């Protein structure tokens, strides 16, 4: 089993990535709102009243976690995500990482409530 860690730089791409992953058999994604140190520490001077839009307001990222069975599924998840957002090696796309897991407990639970 492997865990995938994926930071989406553009939160508006979330539904497209999730849809692509689901079509590729990747489900059970956990989604967290997040921000990076660079965004947290940059100096921000709000100037909405001058520019009239507010597009320059601080925005965060979304971080996705999902456990998958094998390296082939990791590769498929990467390919599907990049089909939506572009190459992760380019600016303003995000980060994709995956690594093997040694211990997993509680992943495949029966639906019955009598397993106490």
PDB file of N, CA and C in Angstrom:
ATOM      1  N   UNK A   1       0.846  -1.180   0.000  1.00  0.00           N
ATOM      2  CA  UNK A   1       0.000   0.000   0.000  1.00  0.00           C
ATOM      3  C   UNK A   1       0.894   1.246   0.000  1.00  0.00           C
ATOM      4  N   UNK A   2       0.352   2.288  -0.612  1.00  0.00           N
ATOM      5  CA  UNK A   2       1.060   3.560  -0.737  1.00  0.00           C
ATOM      6  C   UNK A   2       0.133   4.689  -0.313  1.00  0.00           C
ATOM      7  N   UNK A   3       0.750   5.773   0.174  1.00  0.00           N
ATOM      8  CA  UNK A   3      -0.034   6.972   0.447  1.00  0.00           C
ATOM      9  C   UNK A   3       0.366   8.040  -0.552  1.00  0.00           C
ATOM     10  N   UNK A   4      -0.638   8.717  -1.061  1.00  0.00           N
ATOM     11  CA  UNK A   4      -0.425   9.839  -1.973  1.00  0.00           C
ATOM     12  C   UNK A   4      -0.717  11.126  -1.209  1.00  0.00           C
ATOM     13  N   UNK A   5       0.175  12.085  -1.355  1.00  0.00           N
ATOM     14  CA  UNK A   5       0.061  13.417  -0.781  1.00  0.00           C
ATOM     15  C   UNK A   5       0.064  14.373  -1.964  1.00  0.00           C
ATOM     16  N   UNK A   6      -0.997  15.115  -2.136  1.00  0.00           N
ATOM     17  CA  UNK A   6      -1.121  15.989  -3.305  1.00  0.00           C
ATOM     18  C   UNK A   6      -1.625  17.362  -2.862  1.00  0.00           C
ATOM     19  N   UNK A   7      -0.821  18.391  -3.098  1.00  0.00           N
ATOM     20  CA  UNK A   7      -1.219  19.761  -2.800  1.00  0.00           C
ATOM     21  C   UNK A   7      -1.643  20.423  -4.097  1.00  0.00           C
ATOM     22  N   UNK A   8      -2.882  20.894  -4.131  1.00  0.00           N
ATOM     23  CA  UNK A   8      -3.386  21.622  -5.303  1.00  0.00           C
ATOM     24  C   UNK A   8      -3.202  23.118  -5.068  1.00  0.00           C
ATOM     25  N   UNK A   9      -2.431  23.748  -5.927  1.00  0.00           N
ATOM     26  CA  UNK A   9      -2.214  25.185  -5.797  1.00  0.00           C
ATOM     27  C   UNK A   9      -3.492  25.969  -6.077  1.00  0.00           C
ATOM     28  N   UNK A  10      -4.305  25.457  -6.983  1.00  0.00           N
ATOM     29  CA  UNK A  10      -5.561  26.121  -7.351  1.00  0.00           C
ATOM     30  C   UNK A  10      -6.741  25.305  -6.812  1.00  0.00           C
ATOM     31  N   UNK A  11      -7.363  25.753  -5.720  1.00  0.00           N
ATOM     32  CA  UNK A  11      -8.488  25.017  -5.144  1.00  0.00           C
ATOM     33  C   UNK A  11      -9.653  24.816  -6.109  1.00  0.00           C
ATOM     34  N   UNK A  12      -9.748  25.648  -7.138  1.00  0.00           N
ATOM     35  CA  UNK A  12     -10.831  25.511  -8.111  1.00  0.00           C
ATOM     36  C   UNK A  12     -10.698  24.243  -8.954  1.00  0.00           C
ATOM     37  N   UNK A  13      -9.552  23.600  -8.923  1.00  0.00           N
ATOM     38  CA  UNK A  13      -9.333  22.371  -9.683  1.00  0.00           C
ATOM     39  C   UNK A  13      -9.743  21.118  -8.911  1.00  0.00           C
ATOM     40  N   UNK A  14     -10.157  21.272  -7.652  1.00  0.00           N
ATOM     41  CA  UNK A  14     -10.450  20.126  -6.796  1.00  0.00           C
ATOM     42  C   UNK A  14     -11.462  19.166  -7.414  1.00  0.00           C
ATOM     43  N   UNK A  15     -12.611  19.647  -7.805  1.00  0.00           N
ATOM     44  CA  UNK A  15     -13.656  18.758  -8.322  1.00  0.00           C
ATOM     45  C   UNK A  15     -13.211  18.029  -9.581  1.00  0.00           C
ATOM     46  N   UNK A  16     -12.442  18.701 -10.423  1.00  0.00           N
ATOM     47  CA  UNK A  16     -11.942  18.057 -11.639  1.00  0.00           C
ATOM     48  C   UNK A  16     -10.944  16.950 -11.308  1.00  0.00           C
ATOM     49  N   UNK A  17     -10.065  17.208 -10.353  1.00  0.00           N
ATOM     50  CA  UNK A  17      -9.091  16.181  -9.957  1.00  0.00           C
ATOM     51  C   UNK A  17      -9.808  15.002  -9.316  1.00  0.00           C
ATOM     52  N   UNK A  18     -10.739  15.275  -8.406  1.00  0.00           N
ATOM     53  CA  UNK A  18     -11.476  14.185  -7.758  1.00  0.00           C
ATOM     54  C   UNK A  18     -12.257  13.357  -8.771  1.00  0.00           C
ATOM     55  N   UNK A  19     -12.864  14.020  -9.736  1.00  0.00           N
ATOM     56  CA  UNK A  19     -13.611  13.319 -10.771  1.00  0.00           C
ATOM     57  C   UNK A  19     -12.684  12.443 -11.619  1.00  0.00           C
ATOM     58  N   UNK A  20     -11.536  12.986 -11.978  1.00  0.00           N
ATOM     59  CA  UNK A  20     -10.557  12.218 -12.763  1.00  0.00           C
ATOM     60  C   UNK A  20     -10.074  11.014 -11.968  1.00  0.00           C
ATOM     61  N   UNK A  21      -9.766  11.222 -10.697  1.00  0.00           N
ATOM     62  CA  UNK A  21      -9.301  10.116  -9.857  1.00  0.00           C
ATOM     63  C   UNK A  21     -10.389   9.052  -9.725  1.00  0.00           C
ATOM     64  N   UNK A  22     -11.626   9.494  -9.508  1.00  0.00           N
ATOM     65  CA  UNK A  22     -12.714   8.518  -9.364  1.00  0.00           C
ATOM     66  C   UNK A  22     -12.871   7.694 -10.637  1.00  0.00           C
ATOM     67  N   UNK A  23     -12.765   8.342 -11.779  1.00  0.00           N
ATOM     68  CA  UNK A  23     -12.867   7.606 -13.045  1.00  0.00           C
ATOM     69  C   UNK A  23     -11.720   6.610 -13.200  1.00  0.00           C
ATOM     70  N   UNK A  24     -10.604   6.861 -12.514  1.00  0.00           N
ATOM     71  CA  UNK A  24      -9.459   5.959 -12.549  1.00  0.00           C
ATOM     72  C   UNK A  24      -9.443   4.971 -11.404  1.00  0.00           C
ATOM     73  N   UNK A  25     -10.545   4.883 -10.659  1.00  0.00           N
ATOM     74  CA  UNK A  25     -10.647   3.914  -9.580  1.00  0.00           C
ATOM     75  C   UNK A  25     -10.006   4.343  -8.272  1.00  0.00           C
ATOM     76  N   UNK A  26      -9.743   5.629  -8.124  1.00  0.00           N
ATOM     77  CA  UNK A  26      -9.101   6.151  -6.908  1.00  0.00           C
ATOM     78  C   UNK A  26     -10.156   6.891  -6.097  1.00  0.00           C
ATOM     79  N   UNK A  27     -10.504   6.326  -4.942  1.00  0.00           N
ATOM     80  CA  UNK A  27     -11.542   6.911  -4.088  1.00  0.00           C
ATOM     81  C   UNK A  27     -11.053   6.955  -2.649  1.00  0.00           C
ATOM     82  N   UNK A  28     -11.857   7.530  -1.782  1.00  0.00           N
ATOM     83  CA  UNK A  28     -11.508   7.603  -0.366  1.00  0.00           C
ATOM     84  C   UNK A  28     -10.516   8.697  -0.051  1.00  0.00           C
ATOM     85  N   UNK A  29     -10.574   9.802  -0.781  1.00  0.00           N
ATOM     86  CA  UNK A  29      -9.627  10.902  -0.632  1.00  0.00           C
ATOM     87  C   UNK A  29     -10.007  11.761   0.579  1.00  0.00           C
ATOM     88  N   UNK A  30      -9.018  12.096   1.389  1.00  0.00           N
ATOM     89  CA  UNK A  30      -9.205  13.050   2.483  1.00  0.00           C
ATOM     90  C   UNK A  30      -8.701  14.405   2.014  1.00  0.00           C
ATOM     91  N   UNK A  31      -9.471  15.464   2.274  1.00  0.00           N
ATOM     92  CA  UNK A  31      -9.164  16.808   1.783  1.00  0.00           C
ATOM     93  C   UNK A  31      -8.990  17.753   2.965  1.00  0.00           C
ATOM     94  N   UNK A  32      -7.864  18.467   2.978  1.00  0.00           N
ATOM     95  CA  UNK A  32      -7.596  19.452   4.027  1.00  0.00           C
ATOM     96  C   UNK A  32      -7.316  20.809   3.400  1.00  0.00           C
ATOM     97  N   UNK A  33      -7.861  21.867   4.002  1.00  0.00           N
ATOM     98  CA  UNK A  33      -7.476  23.214   3.600  1.00  0.00           C
ATOM     99  C   UNK A  33      -6.091  23.461   4.172  1.00  0.00           C
ATOM    100  N   UNK A  34      -5.213  24.079   3.382  1.00  0.00           N
ATOM    101  CA  UNK A  34      -3.839  24.264   3.831  1.00  0.00           C
ATOM    102  C   UNK A  34      -3.252  25.531   3.231  1.00  0.00           C
ATOM    103  N   UNK A  35      -2.108  25.922   3.760  1.00  0.00           N
ATOM    104  CA  UNK A  35      -1.335  27.019   3.182  1.00  0.00           C
ATOM    105  C   UNK A  35       0.128  26.727   3.433  1.00  0.00           C
ATOM    106  N   UNK A  36       0.971  27.262   2.592  1.00  0.00           N
ATOM    107  CA  UNK A  36       2.406  27.050   2.729  1.00  0.00           C
ATOM    108  C   UNK A  36       3.084  28.205   3.445  1.00  0.00           C
ATOM    109  N   UNK A  37       4.293  27.948   3.890  1.00  0.00           N
ATOM    110  CA  UNK A  37       5.052  28.952   4.626  1.00  0.00           C
ATOM    111  C   UNK A  37       5.289  30.206   3.768  1.00  0.00           C
ATOM    112  N   UNK A  38       5.556  30.006   2.486  1.00  0.00           N
ATOM    113  CA  UNK A  38       5.807  31.147   1.602  1.00  0.00           C
ATOM    114  C   UNK A  38       4.613  32.097   1.577  1.00  0.00           C
ATOM    115  N   UNK A  39       3.430  31.544   1.438  1.00  0.00           N
ATOM    116  CA  UNK A  39       2.232  32.395   1.413  1.00  0.00           C
ATOM    117  C   UNK A  39       1.973  33.036   2.768  1.00  0.00           C
ATOM    118  N   UNK A  40       2.258  32.318   3.820  1.00  0.00           N
ATOM    119  CA  UNK A  40       2.018  32.824   5.174  1.00  0.00           C
ATOM    120  C   UNK A  40       2.950  33.983   5.503  1.00  0.00           C
ATOM    121  N   UNK A  41       4.184  33.917   5.009  1.00  0.00           N
ATOM    122  CA  UNK A  41       5.176  34.908   5.388  1.00  0.00           C
ATOM    123  C   UNK A  41       5.304  36.082   4.435  1.00  0.00           C
ATOM    124  N   UNK A  42       4.732  35.982   3.231  1.00  0.00           N
ATOM    125  CA  UNK A  42       4.889  37.092   2.294  1.00  0.00           C
ATOM    126  C   UNK A  42       4.132  38.310   2.795  1.00  0.00           C
ATOM    127  N   UNK A  43       4.691  39.450   2.513  1.00  0.00           N
ATOM    128  CA  UNK A  43       4.056  40.695   2.930  1.00  0.00           C
ATOM    129  C   UNK A  43       2.866  40.969   2.032  1.00  0.00           C
ATOM    130  N   UNK A  44       1.747  41.239   2.631  1.00  0.00           N
ATOM    131  CA  UNK A  44       0.513  41.459   1.876  1.00  0.00           C
ATOM    132  C   UNK A  44      -0.047  42.823   2.232  1.00  0.00           C
ATOM    133  N   UNK A  45      -0.226  43.635   1.230  1.00  0.00           N
ATOM    134  CA  UNK A  45      -0.823  44.959   1.412  1.00  0.00           C
ATOM    135  C   UNK A  45      -2.132  44.962   0.634  1.00  0.00           C
ATOM    136  N   UNK A  46      -3.276  44.928   1.347  1.00  0.00           N
ATOM    137  CA  UNK A  46      -4.558  44.900   0.636  1.00  0.00           C
ATOM    138  C   UNK A  46      -4.801  46.203  -0.107  1.00  0.00           C
ATOM    139  N   UNK A  47      -5.124  46.090  -1.376  1.00  0.00           N
ATOM    140  CA  UNK A  47      -5.356  47.276  -2.192  1.00  0.00           C
ATOM    141  C   UNK A  47      -6.621  47.111  -3.019  1.00  0.00           C
ATOM    142  N   UNK A  48      -7.600  46.401  -2.472  1.00  0.00           N
ATOM    143  CA  UNK A  48      -8.840  46.174  -3.211  1.00  0.00           C
ATOM    144  C   UNK A  48      -9.503  47.473  -3.629  1.00  0.00           C
ATOM    145  N   UNK A  49      -9.441  48.466  -2.729  1.00  0.00           N
ATOM    146  CA  UNK A  49     -10.114  49.718  -3.012  1.00  0.00           C
ATOM    147  C   UNK A  49      -9.503  50.424  -4.223  1.00  0.00           C
ATOM    148  N   UNK A  50      -8.243  50.159  -4.538  1.00  0.00           N
ATOM    149  CA  UNK A  50      -7.604  50.760  -5.704  1.00  0.00           C
ATOM    150  C   UNK A  50      -7.854  49.911  -6.942  1.00  0.00           C
ATOM    151  N   UNK A  51      -7.677  48.595  -6.796  1.00  0.00           N
ATOM    152  CA  UNK A  51      -7.786  47.694  -7.941  1.00  0.00           C
ATOM    153  C   UNK A  51      -9.223  47.295  -8.232  1.00  0.00           C
ATOM    154  N   UNK A  52     -10.080  47.361  -7.224  1.00  0.00           N
ATOM    155  CA  UNK A  52     -11.486  47.115  -7.438  1.00  0.00           C
ATOM    156  C   UNK A  52     -11.924  45.666  -7.502  1.00  0.00           C
ATOM    157  N   UNK A  53     -11.040  44.695  -7.251  1.00  0.00           N
ATOM    158  CA  UNK A  53     -11.475  43.318  -7.433  1.00  0.00           C
ATOM    159  C   UNK A  53     -11.307  42.430  -6.233  1.00  0.00           C
ATOM    160  N   UNK A  54     -10.193  42.493  -5.581  1.00  0.00           N
ATOM    161  CA  UNK A  54      -9.934  41.583  -4.488  1.00  0.00           C
ATOM    162  C   UNK A  54      -9.279  40.288  -4.940  1.00  0.00           C
ATOM    163  N   UNK A  55      -8.849  40.219  -6.209  1.00  0.00           N
ATOM    164  CA  UNK A  55      -8.224  38.995  -6.691  1.00  0.00           C
ATOM    165  C   UNK A  55      -6.914  38.716  -5.983  1.00  0.00           C
ATOM    166  N   UNK A  56      -6.302  39.751  -5.397  1.00  0.00           N
ATOM    167  CA  UNK A  56      -5.002  39.591  -4.757  1.00  0.00           C
ATOM    168  C   UNK A  56      -5.106  39.127  -3.314  1.00  0.00           C
ATOM    169  N   UNK A  57      -6.305  38.843  -2.848  1.00  0.00           N
ATOM    170  CA  UNK A  57      -6.464  38.373  -1.479  1.00  0.00           C
ATOM    171  C   UNK A  57      -5.781  37.029  -1.300  1.00  0.00           C
ATOM    172  N   UNK A  58      -5.295  36.795  -0.088  1.00  0.00           N
ATOM    173  CA  UNK A  58      -4.645  35.523   0.240  1.00  0.00           C
ATOM    174  C   UNK A  58      -5.601  34.370  -0.020  1.00  0.00           C
ATOM    175  N   UNK A  59      -5.107  33.340  -0.658  1.00  0.00           N
ATOM    176  CA  UNK A  59      -5.891  32.132  -0.842  1.00  0.00           C
ATOM    177  C   UNK A  59      -5.016  30.958  -0.464  1.00  0.00           C
ATOM    178  N   UNK A  60      -5.639  29.914  -0.059  1.00  0.00           N
ATOM    179  CA  UNK A  60      -4.895  28.752   0.378  1.00  0.00           C
ATOM    180  C   UNK A  60      -4.828  27.679  -0.684  1.00  0.00           C
ATOM    181  N   UNK A  61      -4.348  26.540  -0.247  1.00  0.00           N
ATOM    182  CA  UNK A  61      -4.255  25.352  -1.082  1.00  0.00           C
ATOM    183  C   UNK A  61      -5.229  24.317  -0.542  1.00  0.00           C
ATOM    184  N   UNK A  62      -5.336  23.229  -1.260  1.00  0.00           N
ATOM    185  CA  UNK A  62      -6.021  22.055  -0.750  1.00  0.00           C
ATOM    186  C   UNK A  62      -5.029  20.907  -0.791  1.00  0.00           C
ATOM    187  N   UNK A  63      -4.951  20.162   0.303  1.00  0.00           N
ATOM    188  CA  UNK A  63      -4.063  19.013   0.378  1.00  0.00           C
ATOM    189  C   UNK A  63      -4.904  17.749   0.397  1.00  0.00           C
ATOM    190  N   UNK A  64      -4.584  16.832  -0.512  1.00  0.00           N
ATOM    191  CA  UNK A  64      -5.322  15.585  -0.653  1.00  0.00           C
ATOM    192  C   UNK A  64      -4.440  14.428  -0.176  1.00  0.00           C
ATOM    193  N   UNK A  65      -5.039  13.526   0.587  1.00  0.00           N
ATOM    194  CA  UNK A  65      -4.378  12.298   1.014  1.00  0.00           C
ATOM    195  C   UNK A  65      -5.237  11.129   0.578  1.00  0.00           C
ATOM    196  N   UNK A  66      -4.609  10.081   0.056  1.00  0.00           N
ATOM    197  CA  UNK A  66      -5.356   8.884  -0.290  1.00  0.00           C
ATOM    198  C   UNK A  66      -4.399   7.691  -0.237  1.00  0.00           C
ATOM    199  N   UNK A  67      -4.910   6.571   0.259  1.00  0.00           N
ATOM    200  CA  UNK A  67      -4.141   5.329   0.296  1.00  0.00           C
ATOM    201  C   UNK A  67      -4.555   4.489  -0.903  1.00  0.00           C
ATOM    202  N   UNK A  68      -3.561   4.008  -1.643  1.00  0.00           N
ATOM    203  CA  UNK A  68      -3.805   3.177  -2.820  1.00  0.00           C
ATOM    204  C   UNK A  68      -3.006   1.880  -2.708  1.00  0.00           C
ATOM    205  N   UNK A  69      -3.372   0.907  -3.527  1.00  0.00           N
ATOM    206  CA  UNK A  69      -2.829  -0.445  -3.387  1.00  0.00           C
ATOM    207  C   UNK A  69      -1.413  -0.641  -3.907  1.00  0.00           C
ATOM    208  N   UNK A  70      -1.056   0.018  -5.009  1.00  0.00           N
ATOM    209  CA  UNK A  70       0.205  -0.348  -5.654  1.00  0.00           C
ATOM    210  C   UNK A  70       0.823   0.835  -6.403  1.00  0.00           C
ATOM    211  N   UNK A  71       2.083   0.683  -6.844  1.00  0.00           N
ATOM    212  CA  UNK A  71       2.756   1.767  -7.572  1.00  0.00           C
ATOM    213  C   UNK A  71       2.058   2.135  -8.881  1.00  0.00           C
ATOM    214  N   UNK A  72       1.390   1.175  -9.508  1.00  0.00           N
ATOM    215  CA  UNK A  72       0.676   1.471 -10.745  1.00  0.00           C
ATOM    216  C   UNK A  72      -0.462   2.457 -10.500  1.00  0.00           C
ATOM    217  N   UNK A  73      -1.131   2.318  -9.357  1.00  0.00           N
ATOM    218  CA  UNK A  73      -2.216   3.251  -9.020  1.00  0.00           C
ATOM    219  C   UNK A  73      -1.653   4.623  -8.693  1.00  0.00           C
ATOM    220  N   UNK A  74      -0.487   4.664  -8.055  1.00  0.00           N
ATOM    221  CA  UNK A  74       0.180   5.948  -7.803  1.00  0.00           C
ATOM    222  C   UNK A  74       0.464   6.649  -9.131  1.00  0.00           C
ATOM    223  N   UNK A  75       1.026   5.899 -10.082  1.00  0.00           N
ATOM    224  CA  UNK A  75       1.336   6.472 -11.402  1.00  0.00           C
ATOM    225  C   UNK A  75       0.078   6.958 -12.107  1.00  0.00           C
ATOM    226  N   UNK A  76      -0.999   6.184 -11.994  1.00  0.00           N
ATOM    227  CA  UNK A  76      -2.268   6.576 -12.617  1.00  0.00           C
ATOM    228  C   UNK A  76      -2.798   7.853 -11.972  1.00  0.00           C
ATOM    229  N   UNK A  77      -2.719   7.959 -10.644  1.00  0.00           N
ATOM    230  CA  UNK A  77      -3.182   9.163  -9.943  1.00  0.00           C
ATOM    231  C   UNK A  77      -2.393  10.390 -10.393  1.00  0.00           C
ATOM    232  N   UNK A  78      -1.089  10.241 -10.540  1.00  0.00           N
ATOM    233  CA  UNK A  78      -0.250  11.340 -11.001  1.00  0.00           C
ATOM    234  C   UNK A  78      -0.636  11.755 -12.416  1.00  0.00           C
ATOM    235  N   UNK A  79      -0.777  10.790 -13.288  1.00  0.00           N
ATOM    236  CA  UNK A  79      -1.144  11.069 -14.680  1.00  0.00           C
ATOM    237  C   UNK A  79      -2.502  11.773 -14.767  1.00  0.00           C
ATOM    238  N   UNK A  80      -3.476  11.294 -14.005  1.00  0.00           N
ATOM    239  CA  UNK A  80      -4.815  11.891 -14.033  1.00  0.00           C
ATOM    240  C   UNK A  80      -4.810  13.305 -13.458  1.00  0.00           C
ATOM    241  N   UNK A  81      -4.071  13.521 -12.381  1.00  0.00           N
ATOM    242  CA  UNK A  81      -3.999  14.865 -11.789  1.00  0.00           C
ATOM    243  C   UNK A  81      -3.330  15.837 -12.755  1.00  0.00           C
ATOM    244  N   UNK A  82      -2.246  15.394 -13.384  1.00  0.00           N
ATOM    245  CA  UNK A  82      -1.548  16.287 -14.315  1.00  0.00           C
ATOM    246  C   UNK A  82      -2.365  16.550 -15.574  1.00  0.00           C
ATOM    247  N   UNK A  83      -3.251  15.644 -15.937  1.00  0.00           N
ATOM    248  CA  UNK A  83      -4.136  15.889 -17.080  1.00  0.00           C
ATOM    249  C   UNK A  83      -5.080  17.054 -16.781  1.00  0.00           C
ATOM    250  N   UNK A  84      -5.360  17.273 -15.509  1.00  0.00           N
ATOM    251  CA  UNK A  84      -6.247  18.369 -15.099  1.00  0.00           C
ATOM    252  C   UNK A  84      -5.468  19.657 -14.880  1.00  0.00           C
ATOM    253  N   UNK A  85      -4.413  19.600 -14.057  1.00  0.00           N
ATOM    254  CA  UNK A  85      -3.748  20.838 -13.625  1.00  0.00           C
ATOM    255  C   UNK A  85      -2.477  21.177 -14.381  1.00  0.00           C
ATOM    256  N   UNK A  86      -1.946  20.226 -15.124  1.00  0.00           N
ATOM    257  CA  UNK A  86      -0.674  20.441 -15.807  1.00  0.00           C
ATOM    258  C   UNK A  86       0.457  19.763 -15.042  1.00  0.00           C
ATOM    259  N   UNK A  87       1.643  19.854 -15.585  1.00  0.00           N
ATOM    260  CA  UNK A  87       2.826  19.207 -15.035  1.00  0.00           C
ATOM    261  C   UNK A  87       3.175  19.798 -13.663  1.00  0.00           C
ATOM    262  N   UNK A  88       3.312  18.948 -12.658  1.00  0.00           N
ATOM    263  CA  UNK A  88       3.652  19.426 -11.323  1.00  0.00           C
ATOM    264  C   UNK A  88       5.020  20.107 -11.268  1.00  0.00           C
ATOM    265  N   UNK A  89       5.858  19.892 -12.267  1.00  0.00           N
ATOM    266  CA  UNK A  89       7.159  20.562 -12.308  1.00  0.00           C
ATOM    267  C   UNK A  89       7.037  22.028 -12.719  1.00  0.00           C
ATOM    268  N   UNK A  90       5.870  22.444 -13.183  1.00  0.00           N
ATOM    269  CA  UNK A  90       5.658  23.835 -13.577  1.00  0.00           C
ATOM    270  C   UNK A  90       5.134  24.652 -12.393  1.00  0.00           C
ATOM    271  N   UNK A  91       5.280  25.945 -12.481  1.00  0.00           N
ATOM    272  CA  UNK A  91       4.824  26.852 -11.421  1.00  0.00           C
ATOM    273  C   UNK A  91       3.308  26.823 -11.278  1.00  0.00           C
ATOM    274  N   UNK A  92       2.856  27.118 -10.081  1.00  0.00           N
ATOM    275  CA  UNK A  92       1.439  27.292  -9.781  1.00  0.00           C
ATOM    276  C   UNK A  92       0.581  26.072 -10.072  1.00  0.00           C
ATOM    277  N   UNK A  93       1.136  24.886  -9.870  1.00  0.00           N
ATOM    278  CA  UNK A  93       0.362  23.662 -10.049  1.00  0.00           C
ATOM    279  C   UNK A  93       0.163  22.940  -8.730  1.00  0.00           C
ATOM    280  N   UNK A  94       1.239  22.728  -7.991  1.00  0.00           N
ATOM    281  CA  UNK A  94       1.146  22.045  -6.715  1.00  0.00           C
ATOM    282  C   UNK A  94       2.284  21.074  -6.510  1.00  0.00           C
ATOM    283  N   UNK A  95       2.030  20.081  -5.657  1.00  0.00           N
ATOM    284  CA  UNK A  95       3.032  19.082  -5.302  1.00  0.00           C
ATOM    285  C   UNK A  95       2.354  17.720  -5.288  1.00  0.00           C
ATOM    286  N   UNK A  96       3.060  16.725  -5.763  1.00  0.00           N
ATOM    287  CA  UNK A  96       2.580  15.346  -5.721  1.00  0.00           C
ATOM    288  C   UNK A  96       3.705  14.487  -5.175  1.00  0.00           C
ATOM    289  N   UNK A  97       3.387  13.692  -4.147  1.00  0.00           N
ATOM    290  CA  UNK A  97       4.370  12.775  -3.574  1.00  0.00           C
ATOM    291  C   UNK A  97       3.650  11.502  -3.158  1.00  0.00           C
ATOM    292  N   UNK A  98       4.387  10.401  -3.131  1.00  0.00           N
ATOM    293  CA  UNK A  98       3.823   9.127  -2.685  1.00  0.00           C
ATOM    294  C   UNK A  98       4.939   8.294  -2.080  1.00  0.00           C
ATOM    295  N   UNK A  99       4.584   7.486  -1.097  1.00  0.00           N
ATOM    296  CA  UNK A  99       5.561   6.607  -0.479  1.00  0.00           C
ATOM    297  C   UNK A  99       4.859   5.376   0.080  1.00  0.00           C
ATOM    298  N   UNK A 100       5.629   4.273   0.240  1.00  0.00           N
ATOM    299  CA  UNK A 100       5.026   3.041   0.754  1.00  0.00           C
ATOM    300  C   UNK A 100       4.694   3.147   2.240  1.00  0.00           C
ATOM    301  N   UNK A 101       3.669   2.425   2.643  1.00  0.00           N
ATOM    302  CA  UNK A 101       3.238   2.391   4.041  1.00  0.00           C
ATOM    303  C   UNK A 101       3.641   1.060   4.667  1.00  0.00           C
ATOM    304  N   UNK A 102       4.100   1.106   5.905  1.00  0.00           N
ATOM    305  CA  UNK A 102       4.465  -0.122   6.606  1.00  0.00           C
ATOM    306  C   UNK A 102       3.324  -0.664   7.454  1.00  0.00           C
ATOM    307  N   UNK A 103       2.545   0.222   8.046  1.00  0.00           N
ATOM    308  CA  UNK A 103       1.464  -0.190   8.931  1.00  0.00           C
ATOM    309  C   UNK A 103       0.173   0.476   8.476  1.00  0.00           C
ATOM    310  N   UNK A 104      -0.862  -0.329   8.319  1.00  0.00           N
ATOM    311  CA  UNK A 104      -2.189   0.188   7.976  1.00  0.00           C
ATOM    312  C   UNK A 104      -3.195  -0.610   8.784  1.00  0.00           C
ATOM    313  N   UNK A 105      -4.031   0.092   9.505  1.00  0.00           N
ATOM    314  CA  UNK A 105      -5.074  -0.574  10.276  1.00  0.00           C
ATOM    315  C   UNK A 105      -6.344   0.260  10.159  1.00  0.00           C
ATOM    316  N   UNK A 106      -7.450  -0.407   9.938  1.00  0.00           N
ATOM    317  CA  UNK A 106      -8.728   0.293   9.878  1.00  0.00           C
ATOM    318  C   UNK A 106      -9.150   0.723   8.495  1.00  0.00           C
ATOM    319  N   UNK A 107      -8.440   0.283   7.473  1.00  0.00           N
ATOM    320  CA  UNK A 107      -8.775   0.709   6.119  1.00  0.00           C
ATOM    321  C   UNK A 107     -10.005  -0.008   5.564  1.00  0.00           C
ATOM    322  N   UNK A 108     -10.045  -1.324   5.676  1.00  0.00           N
ATOM    323  CA  UNK A 108     -11.158  -2.102   5.144  1.00  0.00           C
ATOM    324  C   UNK A 108     -12.016  -2.629   6.277  1.00  0.00           C
ATOM    325  N   UNK A 109     -12.924  -1.794   6.732  1.00  0.00           N
ATOM    326  CA  UNK A 109     -13.805  -2.174   7.844  1.00  0.00           C
ATOM    327  C   UNK A 109     -15.127  -2.720   7.315  1.00  0.00           C
ATOM    328  N   UNK A 110     -15.672  -3.721   8.005  1.00  0.00           N
ATOM    329  CA  UNK A 110     -17.026  -4.167   7.633  1.00  0.00           C
ATOM    330  C   UNK A 110     -18.036  -3.087   8.010  1.00  0.00           C
ATOM    331  N   UNK A 111     -19.144  -3.060   7.336  1.00  0.00           N
ATOM    332  CA  UNK A 111     -20.174  -2.042   7.601  1.00  0.00           C
ATOM    333  C   UNK A 111     -21.018  -2.337   8.822  1.00  0.00           C
ATOM    334  N   UNK A 112     -20.937  -3.555   9.364  1.00  0.00           N
ATOM    335  CA  UNK A 112     -21.750  -3.935  10.539  1.00  0.00           C
ATOM    336  C   UNK A 112     -21.231  -3.226  11.779  1.00  0.00           C
ATOM    337  N   UNK A 113     -22.152  -2.862  12.672  1.00  0.00           N
ATOM    338  CA  UNK A 113     -21.780  -2.185  13.925  1.00  0.00           C
ATOM    339  C   UNK A 113     -21.469  -3.185  15.032  1.00  0.00           C
ATOM    340  N   UNK A 114     -21.505  -4.461  14.753  1.00  0.00           N
ATOM    341  CA  UNK A 114     -21.295  -5.481  15.783  1.00  0.00           C
ATOM    342  C   UNK A 114     -19.833  -5.922  15.862  1.00  0.00           C
ATOM    343  N   UNK A 115     -18.894  -5.166  15.329  1.00  0.00           N
ATOM    344  CA  UNK A 115     -17.491  -5.582  15.352  1.00  0.00           C
ATOM    345  C   UNK A 115     -16.719  -4.986  16.517  1.00  0.00           C
ATOM    346  N   UNK A 116     -17.374  -4.749  17.641  1.00  0.00           N
ATOM    347  CA  UNK A 116     -16.738  -4.146  18.825  1.00  0.00           C
ATOM    348  C   UNK A 116     -15.842  -5.106  19.547  1.00  0.00           C
TER     349      UNK A 116
END
